[in-house]
N, C-alpha and C. Protein backbone atom coordinates (compact mmCIF):
# COMPACT_ATOMS: atom_id res chain seq x y z
N MET A 1 0.84 -1.18 0.00
CA MET A 1 0.00 0.00 0.00
C MET A 1 0.89 1.24 0.00
N THR A 2 0.63 2.18 -0.86
CA THR A 2 1.40 3.41 -0.94
C THR A 2 0.72 4.49 -0.13
N VAL A 3 1.50 5.17 0.70
CA VAL A 3 0.99 6.30 1.47
C VAL A 3 1.65 7.55 0.92
N ALA A 4 0.87 8.41 0.32
CA ALA A 4 1.41 9.66 -0.21
C ALA A 4 1.54 10.65 0.94
N VAL A 5 2.57 11.45 0.88
CA VAL A 5 2.73 12.51 1.87
C VAL A 5 1.77 13.62 1.48
N GLU A 6 0.89 13.95 2.40
CA GLU A 6 -0.16 14.93 2.14
C GLU A 6 0.40 16.33 1.96
N THR A 7 -0.23 17.09 1.09
CA THR A 7 0.14 18.50 0.94
C THR A 7 -0.31 19.26 2.18
N GLY A 8 0.32 20.38 2.40
CA GLY A 8 -0.04 21.23 3.53
C GLY A 8 1.14 21.48 4.44
N LEU A 9 0.82 21.99 5.62
CA LEU A 9 1.83 22.36 6.60
C LEU A 9 2.08 21.22 7.58
N TRP A 10 3.35 21.08 7.96
CA TRP A 10 3.79 20.04 8.88
C TRP A 10 4.60 20.69 9.99
N GLN A 11 4.42 20.20 11.21
CA GLN A 11 5.10 20.74 12.38
C GLN A 11 5.99 19.67 13.00
N LEU A 12 7.22 20.01 13.36
CA LEU A 12 8.12 19.07 14.01
C LEU A 12 7.59 18.73 15.40
N ASP A 13 7.60 17.46 15.73
CA ASP A 13 7.24 17.01 17.08
C ASP A 13 8.55 16.85 17.86
N PRO A 14 8.90 17.83 18.71
CA PRO A 14 10.19 17.77 19.39
C PRO A 14 10.30 16.61 20.38
N THR A 15 9.18 16.09 20.86
CA THR A 15 9.23 14.98 21.81
C THR A 15 9.53 13.65 21.12
N ALA A 16 9.33 13.59 19.81
CA ALA A 16 9.58 12.36 19.05
C ALA A 16 10.72 12.54 18.05
N SER A 17 11.51 13.59 18.23
CA SER A 17 12.61 13.90 17.32
C SER A 17 13.91 13.98 18.11
N ALA A 18 15.03 13.72 17.42
CA ALA A 18 16.34 13.82 18.06
C ALA A 18 17.38 14.23 17.04
N VAL A 19 18.27 15.13 17.47
CA VAL A 19 19.42 15.52 16.65
C VAL A 19 20.64 15.33 17.53
N ARG A 20 21.53 14.47 17.05
CA ARG A 20 22.74 14.12 17.81
C ARG A 20 23.98 14.41 16.98
N LEU A 21 25.09 14.63 17.67
CA LEU A 21 26.36 14.78 16.96
C LEU A 21 27.41 13.90 17.61
N ARG A 22 28.42 13.63 16.82
CA ARG A 22 29.53 12.78 17.27
C ARG A 22 30.80 13.34 16.60
N HIS A 23 31.84 13.54 17.42
CA HIS A 23 33.10 14.06 16.89
C HIS A 23 34.25 13.38 17.60
N ARG A 24 35.20 12.92 16.84
CA ARG A 24 36.40 12.30 17.43
C ARG A 24 37.32 13.41 17.93
N THR A 25 37.80 13.23 19.13
CA THR A 25 38.69 14.20 19.74
C THR A 25 39.86 13.47 20.38
N PHE A 26 40.71 14.17 21.07
CA PHE A 26 41.93 13.58 21.65
C PHE A 26 42.65 12.75 20.59
N TRP A 27 42.95 13.42 19.48
CA TRP A 27 43.69 12.83 18.36
C TRP A 27 43.01 11.59 17.79
N GLY A 28 41.68 11.60 17.81
CA GLY A 28 40.91 10.51 17.23
C GLY A 28 40.69 9.33 18.14
N LEU A 29 41.10 9.43 19.39
CA LEU A 29 40.99 8.30 20.31
C LEU A 29 39.64 8.21 21.02
N VAL A 30 38.95 9.34 21.18
CA VAL A 30 37.70 9.38 21.93
C VAL A 30 36.63 10.03 21.07
N ALA A 31 35.43 9.46 21.07
CA ALA A 31 34.31 10.08 20.37
C ALA A 31 33.45 10.82 21.38
N VAL A 32 33.33 12.13 21.20
CA VAL A 32 32.45 12.93 22.04
C VAL A 32 31.08 12.92 21.37
N LYS A 33 30.05 12.61 22.15
CA LYS A 33 28.69 12.55 21.62
C LYS A 33 27.83 13.56 22.36
N GLY A 34 26.90 14.16 21.64
CA GLY A 34 26.01 15.13 22.24
C GLY A 34 24.65 15.12 21.57
N THR A 35 23.68 15.67 22.29
CA THR A 35 22.31 15.77 21.79
C THR A 35 21.82 17.19 21.97
N PHE A 36 21.16 17.72 20.96
CA PHE A 36 20.50 19.01 21.08
C PHE A 36 19.12 18.75 21.70
N THR A 37 18.87 19.34 22.86
CA THR A 37 17.63 19.06 23.58
C THR A 37 16.50 20.01 23.20
N ALA A 38 16.79 21.07 22.47
CA ALA A 38 15.76 22.01 22.02
C ALA A 38 15.80 22.08 20.50
N VAL A 39 14.83 21.42 19.87
CA VAL A 39 14.75 21.32 18.42
C VAL A 39 13.34 21.74 18.00
N THR A 40 13.24 22.62 17.02
CA THR A 40 11.96 23.02 16.48
C THR A 40 12.02 22.93 14.96
N GLY A 41 10.87 22.93 14.33
CA GLY A 41 10.86 22.91 12.87
C GLY A 41 9.46 22.92 12.30
N ARG A 42 9.43 23.18 11.02
CA ARG A 42 8.17 23.17 10.28
C ARG A 42 8.48 22.91 8.82
N GLY A 43 7.48 22.51 8.09
CA GLY A 43 7.68 22.27 6.67
C GLY A 43 6.38 22.41 5.92
N GLU A 44 6.50 22.44 4.62
CA GLU A 44 5.32 22.52 3.77
C GLU A 44 5.52 21.62 2.56
N VAL A 45 4.52 20.81 2.27
CA VAL A 45 4.48 20.04 1.03
C VAL A 45 3.46 20.75 0.15
N ARG A 46 3.93 21.20 -1.00
CA ARG A 46 3.08 21.98 -1.90
C ARG A 46 2.31 21.05 -2.84
N PRO A 47 1.23 21.55 -3.42
CA PRO A 47 0.42 20.73 -4.33
C PRO A 47 1.20 20.14 -5.50
N ASP A 48 2.28 20.81 -5.93
CA ASP A 48 3.08 20.28 -7.05
C ASP A 48 4.06 19.19 -6.60
N GLY A 49 4.04 18.85 -5.30
CA GLY A 49 4.91 17.81 -4.78
C GLY A 49 6.22 18.33 -4.22
N SER A 50 6.53 19.59 -4.45
CA SER A 50 7.76 20.16 -3.90
C SER A 50 7.59 20.38 -2.39
N ALA A 51 8.71 20.49 -1.71
CA ALA A 51 8.67 20.67 -0.26
C ALA A 51 9.76 21.63 0.18
N ALA A 52 9.51 22.28 1.30
CA ALA A 52 10.48 23.19 1.90
C ALA A 52 10.22 23.22 3.40
N GLY A 53 11.23 23.64 4.15
CA GLY A 53 11.03 23.72 5.59
C GLY A 53 12.28 24.16 6.31
N THR A 54 12.18 24.21 7.63
CA THR A 54 13.28 24.66 8.48
C THR A 54 13.33 23.81 9.74
N VAL A 55 14.55 23.46 10.14
CA VAL A 55 14.79 22.81 11.43
C VAL A 55 15.78 23.69 12.17
N THR A 56 15.46 24.03 13.41
CA THR A 56 16.29 24.92 14.21
C THR A 56 16.69 24.24 15.51
N LEU A 57 17.98 24.33 15.83
CA LEU A 57 18.53 23.79 17.06
C LEU A 57 18.97 24.96 17.92
N GLU A 58 18.62 24.95 19.20
CA GLU A 58 19.13 25.97 20.11
C GLU A 58 20.55 25.56 20.47
N THR A 59 21.52 26.39 20.10
CA THR A 59 22.92 26.07 20.31
C THR A 59 23.21 25.74 21.77
N ALA A 60 22.64 26.50 22.69
CA ALA A 60 22.89 26.30 24.12
C ALA A 60 22.29 25.01 24.65
N SER A 61 21.48 24.33 23.85
CA SER A 61 20.85 23.09 24.33
C SER A 61 21.71 21.86 24.09
N LEU A 62 22.90 22.03 23.50
CA LEU A 62 23.78 20.89 23.26
C LEU A 62 24.22 20.29 24.59
N ASP A 63 23.95 19.01 24.77
CA ASP A 63 24.24 18.32 26.02
C ASP A 63 25.09 17.10 25.72
N THR A 64 26.33 17.08 26.26
CA THR A 64 27.22 15.94 26.08
C THR A 64 27.33 15.11 27.35
N GLY A 65 26.63 15.54 28.40
CA GLY A 65 26.71 14.82 29.67
C GLY A 65 27.86 15.26 30.55
N ASN A 66 28.58 16.31 30.12
CA ASN A 66 29.71 16.83 30.89
C ASN A 66 29.56 18.35 30.94
N ALA A 67 29.19 18.89 32.08
CA ALA A 67 28.88 20.32 32.20
C ALA A 67 30.05 21.21 31.80
N LYS A 68 31.27 20.85 32.18
CA LYS A 68 32.44 21.68 31.83
C LYS A 68 32.67 21.68 30.32
N ARG A 69 32.56 20.51 29.70
CA ARG A 69 32.72 20.43 28.24
C ARG A 69 31.60 21.19 27.54
N ASP A 70 30.36 21.04 28.04
CA ASP A 70 29.23 21.74 27.43
C ASP A 70 29.43 23.26 27.48
N ALA A 71 29.91 23.76 28.60
CA ALA A 71 30.17 25.20 28.73
C ALA A 71 31.22 25.63 27.71
N HIS A 72 32.26 24.81 27.51
CA HIS A 72 33.29 25.16 26.53
C HIS A 72 32.73 25.12 25.10
N LEU A 73 31.92 24.11 24.79
CA LEU A 73 31.32 24.03 23.46
C LEU A 73 30.45 25.24 23.15
N ARG A 74 29.77 25.77 24.18
CA ARG A 74 28.88 26.93 24.01
C ARG A 74 29.65 28.25 24.01
N SER A 75 30.93 28.22 24.40
CA SER A 75 31.72 29.45 24.54
C SER A 75 32.13 30.00 23.17
N ALA A 76 32.75 31.19 23.22
CA ALA A 76 33.23 31.84 21.99
C ALA A 76 34.33 31.03 21.30
N ASP A 77 34.98 30.10 22.02
CA ASP A 77 35.99 29.24 21.39
C ASP A 77 35.37 28.37 20.29
N LEU A 78 34.14 27.97 20.49
CA LEU A 78 33.52 27.01 19.56
C LEU A 78 32.20 27.54 19.01
N LEU A 79 31.07 27.13 19.54
CA LEU A 79 29.77 27.49 18.95
C LEU A 79 29.32 28.91 19.24
N ASP A 80 29.84 29.52 20.28
CA ASP A 80 29.51 30.91 20.65
C ASP A 80 28.00 31.11 20.73
N ALA A 81 27.38 30.36 21.63
CA ALA A 81 25.92 30.38 21.77
C ALA A 81 25.38 31.77 22.10
N GLY A 82 26.16 32.60 22.78
CA GLY A 82 25.69 33.95 23.09
C GLY A 82 25.47 34.78 21.84
N ALA A 83 26.40 34.71 20.90
CA ALA A 83 26.29 35.48 19.66
C ALA A 83 25.51 34.75 18.57
N HIS A 84 25.49 33.41 18.65
CA HIS A 84 24.83 32.59 17.62
C HIS A 84 23.94 31.56 18.31
N PRO A 85 22.77 32.00 18.77
CA PRO A 85 21.92 31.12 19.59
C PRO A 85 21.26 29.97 18.84
N GLU A 86 21.31 29.99 17.51
CA GLU A 86 20.62 28.94 16.74
C GLU A 86 21.51 28.38 15.64
N ILE A 87 21.31 27.10 15.39
CA ILE A 87 21.84 26.42 14.22
C ILE A 87 20.61 26.08 13.39
N THR A 88 20.63 26.44 12.11
CA THR A 88 19.43 26.29 11.29
C THR A 88 19.74 25.56 9.99
N TYR A 89 18.87 24.61 9.64
CA TYR A 89 18.91 24.01 8.31
C TYR A 89 17.62 24.43 7.61
N THR A 90 17.77 25.11 6.48
CA THR A 90 16.62 25.54 5.69
C THR A 90 16.58 24.70 4.43
N ALA A 91 15.59 23.83 4.35
CA ALA A 91 15.41 22.98 3.17
C ALA A 91 14.66 23.78 2.11
N THR A 92 15.24 23.83 0.93
CA THR A 92 14.60 24.55 -0.17
C THR A 92 13.95 23.61 -1.17
N GLY A 93 14.23 22.31 -1.05
CA GLY A 93 13.63 21.35 -1.95
C GLY A 93 13.84 19.93 -1.46
N ALA A 94 12.97 19.04 -1.90
CA ALA A 94 13.07 17.62 -1.57
C ALA A 94 12.59 16.82 -2.76
N GLU A 95 13.33 15.75 -3.07
CA GLU A 95 13.01 14.92 -4.23
C GLU A 95 13.04 13.45 -3.82
N LEU A 96 11.96 12.73 -4.08
CA LEU A 96 11.90 11.30 -3.80
C LEU A 96 12.83 10.59 -4.77
N LEU A 97 13.72 9.73 -4.24
CA LEU A 97 14.73 9.08 -5.07
C LEU A 97 14.38 7.66 -5.47
N ASP A 98 13.85 6.87 -4.51
CA ASP A 98 13.60 5.46 -4.81
C ASP A 98 12.60 4.89 -3.83
N GLY A 99 12.35 3.61 -3.92
CA GLY A 99 11.42 2.94 -3.00
C GLY A 99 10.00 3.14 -3.46
N ASP A 100 9.11 2.45 -2.78
CA ASP A 100 7.71 2.52 -3.18
C ASP A 100 6.91 3.50 -2.34
N GLY A 101 7.58 4.19 -1.38
CA GLY A 101 6.90 5.22 -0.63
C GLY A 101 5.90 4.70 0.37
N ASP A 102 5.96 3.39 0.71
CA ASP A 102 4.94 2.86 1.63
C ASP A 102 5.25 3.18 3.09
N GLY A 103 6.40 3.80 3.34
CA GLY A 103 6.73 4.19 4.70
C GLY A 103 7.16 3.03 5.56
N GLY A 104 7.39 1.88 4.98
CA GLY A 104 7.80 0.71 5.73
C GLY A 104 9.23 0.82 6.19
N SER A 105 9.76 -0.28 6.71
CA SER A 105 11.11 -0.26 7.25
C SER A 105 12.16 -0.02 6.17
N ASP A 106 11.80 -0.26 4.91
CA ASP A 106 12.72 0.03 3.82
C ASP A 106 12.26 1.29 3.09
N GLY A 107 11.88 2.32 3.85
CA GLY A 107 11.30 3.54 3.32
C GLY A 107 12.10 4.16 2.19
N SER A 108 11.48 5.04 1.51
CA SER A 108 12.06 5.71 0.36
C SER A 108 13.15 6.68 0.78
N SER A 109 14.07 6.92 -0.14
CA SER A 109 15.11 7.92 0.08
C SER A 109 14.65 9.24 -0.51
N VAL A 110 15.02 10.31 0.17
CA VAL A 110 14.65 11.65 -0.25
C VAL A 110 15.93 12.49 -0.30
N ARG A 111 16.19 13.13 -1.43
CA ARG A 111 17.30 14.07 -1.53
C ARG A 111 16.78 15.43 -1.09
N VAL A 112 17.41 15.98 -0.07
CA VAL A 112 17.00 17.27 0.47
C VAL A 112 18.10 18.28 0.18
N THR A 113 17.73 19.36 -0.48
CA THR A 113 18.68 20.44 -0.75
C THR A 113 18.35 21.61 0.16
N GLY A 114 19.39 22.30 0.58
CA GLY A 114 19.15 23.44 1.44
C GLY A 114 20.43 24.12 1.87
N ARG A 115 20.31 24.85 2.98
CA ARG A 115 21.43 25.62 3.50
C ARG A 115 21.51 25.42 5.00
N LEU A 116 22.73 25.19 5.48
CA LEU A 116 22.99 25.02 6.90
C LEU A 116 23.68 26.28 7.41
N THR A 117 23.16 26.84 8.51
CA THR A 117 23.77 28.02 9.13
C THR A 117 24.25 27.64 10.52
N VAL A 118 25.56 27.75 10.72
CA VAL A 118 26.21 27.47 12.00
C VAL A 118 27.16 28.62 12.28
N HIS A 119 27.12 29.14 13.49
CA HIS A 119 28.09 30.16 13.90
C HIS A 119 27.99 31.38 13.00
N GLY A 120 26.78 31.64 12.47
CA GLY A 120 26.55 32.79 11.61
C GLY A 120 27.01 32.62 10.17
N VAL A 121 27.52 31.44 9.82
CA VAL A 121 28.00 31.17 8.47
C VAL A 121 27.03 30.22 7.79
N GLU A 122 26.59 30.61 6.59
CA GLU A 122 25.64 29.79 5.83
C GLU A 122 26.36 29.09 4.69
N GLN A 123 26.12 27.77 4.58
CA GLN A 123 26.75 26.97 3.53
C GLN A 123 25.68 26.06 2.90
N PRO A 124 25.78 25.78 1.59
CA PRO A 124 24.85 24.82 0.98
C PRO A 124 25.09 23.43 1.55
N LEU A 125 24.01 22.68 1.72
CA LEU A 125 24.11 21.30 2.19
C LEU A 125 23.00 20.48 1.56
N THR A 126 23.38 19.49 0.77
CA THR A 126 22.43 18.53 0.22
C THR A 126 22.66 17.23 0.95
N LEU A 127 21.59 16.62 1.41
CA LEU A 127 21.71 15.38 2.16
C LEU A 127 20.65 14.40 1.68
N THR A 128 20.86 13.14 2.03
CA THR A 128 19.88 12.11 1.73
C THR A 128 19.24 11.68 3.03
N ALA A 129 17.92 11.68 3.04
CA ALA A 129 17.16 11.24 4.21
C ALA A 129 16.35 10.02 3.83
N ARG A 130 16.01 9.23 4.83
CA ARG A 130 15.16 8.07 4.61
C ARG A 130 13.79 8.38 5.21
N LEU A 131 12.76 8.17 4.41
CA LEU A 131 11.40 8.31 4.91
C LEU A 131 11.11 7.03 5.69
N ALA A 132 11.34 7.08 7.00
CA ALA A 132 11.28 5.89 7.84
C ALA A 132 9.85 5.46 8.13
N ALA A 133 8.93 6.41 8.15
CA ALA A 133 7.52 6.10 8.40
C ALA A 133 6.68 7.22 7.84
N ALA A 134 5.53 6.86 7.30
CA ALA A 134 4.62 7.88 6.77
C ALA A 134 3.19 7.39 6.89
N THR A 135 2.36 8.23 7.48
CA THR A 135 0.93 8.01 7.53
C THR A 135 0.29 9.32 7.09
N PRO A 136 -1.01 9.35 6.88
CA PRO A 136 -1.62 10.63 6.49
C PRO A 136 -1.40 11.75 7.51
N GLY A 137 -1.14 11.41 8.77
CA GLY A 137 -1.00 12.45 9.79
C GLY A 137 0.40 12.66 10.33
N ALA A 138 1.37 11.82 9.94
CA ALA A 138 2.71 11.95 10.50
C ALA A 138 3.73 11.32 9.55
N LEU A 139 4.95 11.83 9.63
CA LEU A 139 6.05 11.23 8.87
C LEU A 139 7.34 11.41 9.65
N THR A 140 8.25 10.47 9.45
CA THR A 140 9.55 10.51 10.11
C THR A 140 10.65 10.43 9.07
N LEU A 141 11.55 11.38 9.12
CA LEU A 141 12.73 11.40 8.26
C LEU A 141 13.95 11.13 9.11
N GLU A 142 14.85 10.27 8.61
CA GLU A 142 16.10 9.98 9.31
C GLU A 142 17.25 10.26 8.35
N THR A 143 18.32 10.85 8.90
CA THR A 143 19.48 11.15 8.08
C THR A 143 20.75 11.14 8.92
N GLU A 144 21.86 10.92 8.26
CA GLU A 144 23.17 11.06 8.88
C GLU A 144 24.08 11.70 7.84
N PHE A 145 24.82 12.71 8.27
CA PHE A 145 25.73 13.41 7.36
C PHE A 145 26.90 13.97 8.17
N THR A 146 27.93 14.40 7.47
CA THR A 146 29.09 14.97 8.15
C THR A 146 29.20 16.46 7.82
N VAL A 147 29.81 17.18 8.76
CA VAL A 147 30.01 18.62 8.63
C VAL A 147 31.47 18.92 8.96
N ASP A 148 32.09 19.72 8.12
CA ASP A 148 33.43 20.22 8.38
C ASP A 148 33.27 21.53 9.15
N ARG A 149 33.51 21.49 10.46
CA ARG A 149 33.26 22.65 11.31
C ARG A 149 34.11 23.84 10.92
N ASP A 150 35.28 23.61 10.32
CA ASP A 150 36.14 24.72 9.88
C ASP A 150 35.42 25.60 8.85
N ARG A 151 34.58 24.99 8.00
CA ARG A 151 33.85 25.76 6.98
C ARG A 151 32.88 26.76 7.59
N PHE A 152 32.55 26.56 8.88
CA PHE A 152 31.61 27.43 9.57
C PHE A 152 32.30 28.34 10.58
N GLY A 153 33.62 28.39 10.54
CA GLY A 153 34.35 29.25 11.45
C GLY A 153 34.46 28.71 12.87
N VAL A 154 34.18 27.42 13.05
CA VAL A 154 34.31 26.77 14.36
C VAL A 154 35.63 26.01 14.31
N SER A 155 36.72 26.75 14.51
CA SER A 155 38.03 26.19 14.20
C SER A 155 38.94 25.97 15.41
N TRP A 156 38.46 26.22 16.62
CA TRP A 156 39.31 25.98 17.80
C TRP A 156 39.80 24.55 17.77
N ASN A 157 41.11 24.38 17.98
CA ASN A 157 41.69 23.04 17.90
C ASN A 157 43.00 23.02 18.67
N GLN A 158 42.91 23.19 19.97
CA GLN A 158 44.11 23.24 20.81
C GLN A 158 44.92 21.96 20.67
N LEU A 159 46.18 22.12 20.37
CA LEU A 159 47.13 21.00 20.24
C LEU A 159 46.70 19.95 19.22
N GLY A 160 45.87 20.32 18.26
CA GLY A 160 45.44 19.38 17.23
C GLY A 160 44.52 18.28 17.74
N MET A 161 43.86 18.52 18.88
CA MET A 161 43.03 17.48 19.50
C MET A 161 41.76 17.17 18.70
N MET A 162 41.21 18.16 17.99
CA MET A 162 39.93 17.97 17.31
C MET A 162 40.12 18.03 15.80
N ARG A 163 40.36 16.90 15.21
CA ARG A 163 40.54 16.82 13.76
C ARG A 163 39.31 16.16 13.15
N GLY A 164 39.19 16.31 11.85
CA GLY A 164 38.17 15.57 11.12
C GLY A 164 36.80 16.21 11.13
N LEU A 165 35.84 15.41 10.72
CA LEU A 165 34.47 15.87 10.52
C LEU A 165 33.59 15.54 11.71
N THR A 166 32.54 16.33 11.87
CA THR A 166 31.52 16.06 12.88
C THR A 166 30.38 15.32 12.18
N THR A 167 29.93 14.21 12.77
CA THR A 167 28.81 13.45 12.22
C THR A 167 27.53 13.88 12.93
N VAL A 168 26.52 14.20 12.14
CA VAL A 168 25.22 14.59 12.66
C VAL A 168 24.22 13.51 12.29
N THR A 169 23.45 13.05 13.27
CA THR A 169 22.40 12.06 13.05
C THR A 169 21.08 12.69 13.51
N ALA A 170 20.08 12.62 12.65
CA ALA A 170 18.79 13.22 12.99
C ALA A 170 17.65 12.26 12.67
N ALA A 171 16.70 12.18 13.59
CA ALA A 171 15.43 11.50 13.37
C ALA A 171 14.37 12.55 13.66
N LEU A 172 13.66 12.97 12.63
CA LEU A 172 12.73 14.08 12.74
C LEU A 172 11.30 13.61 12.44
N ARG A 173 10.44 13.75 13.42
CA ARG A 173 9.04 13.35 13.29
C ARG A 173 8.19 14.60 13.08
N PHE A 174 7.49 14.64 11.97
CA PHE A 174 6.60 15.76 11.64
C PHE A 174 5.15 15.29 11.70
N THR A 175 4.27 16.15 12.20
CA THR A 175 2.85 15.87 12.20
C THR A 175 2.13 16.97 11.43
N ARG A 176 0.99 16.60 10.89
CA ARG A 176 0.22 17.61 10.13
C ARG A 176 -0.17 18.74 11.06
N ALA A 177 0.05 19.95 10.60
CA ALA A 177 -0.32 21.13 11.39
C ALA A 177 -1.81 21.37 11.23
N ALA A 178 -2.41 21.84 12.30
CA ALA A 178 -3.84 22.17 12.24
C ALA A 178 -4.08 23.27 11.24
N ALA A 179 -5.15 23.13 10.49
CA ALA A 179 -5.46 24.14 9.45
C ALA A 179 -5.95 25.42 10.04
């Protein structure tokens, strides 16, 4: 059975969504993991099948389970949450790539084009998401991608401890917005 994603407005359900990051530090020996605890978003599926939307993370909500490290991540050395309180991904388009769209465990892939803004720097970012579940009233998109933090001016790297890319994993549950 095929479930089409309904046209109209969609609202992110923050209680059923998660955005996590993982970055190797200490010369690649330790993976630091964190979760953004404040995530909001909305989207629109237009009658022509095109889609657009925004997902916003409160920079200060990044939680790695270590208060001292979290304070440093939020400081001007790194994310500078005081000057840049939000990280935003603005999707300007979405294209169904494959699958039968039934929303099953082998859900369809969606190419999402847009722009990521971190630390006040905006860069293009195209990613592939999996439509993990879809019903007439809700849909879940899952994705994993890497970000080069240097491209966003987040370049603190004392003694070369933080090399490489940051991996972002997101599971985003959207529900139909009330008309």
